Amino acid sequence: MNILLVLIPVTGLVVILAVALFFWAVNHHQFDDLDNPGVVPLLEDDPDQGGKAPAPADSSATGDDAAHTGASP
């Protein structure tokens, strides 16, 4: 029966700690957007490119088509 003198205050401290951690998480915006972070890894767009595909390499811009195709001038 003496164990209740220890367990009741320890349980109270655990509950107070859990409530404090919950309010800390709410104040630090941990629960603002629960849907989008789970979808982000499934997206195929690279965020560095802004959703655009990279431009293909254009050898005509350098003017050395003959060197790559084997055509004579």
Foldseek 3Di string as FASTA:
>chain_A
DCVCVVVVVVVVVVVVVVVVVVVVCVVVVVPVDPPPVVCVVVDPADVVVVRDDDDDDDPVVVVPPCVVPVDDD
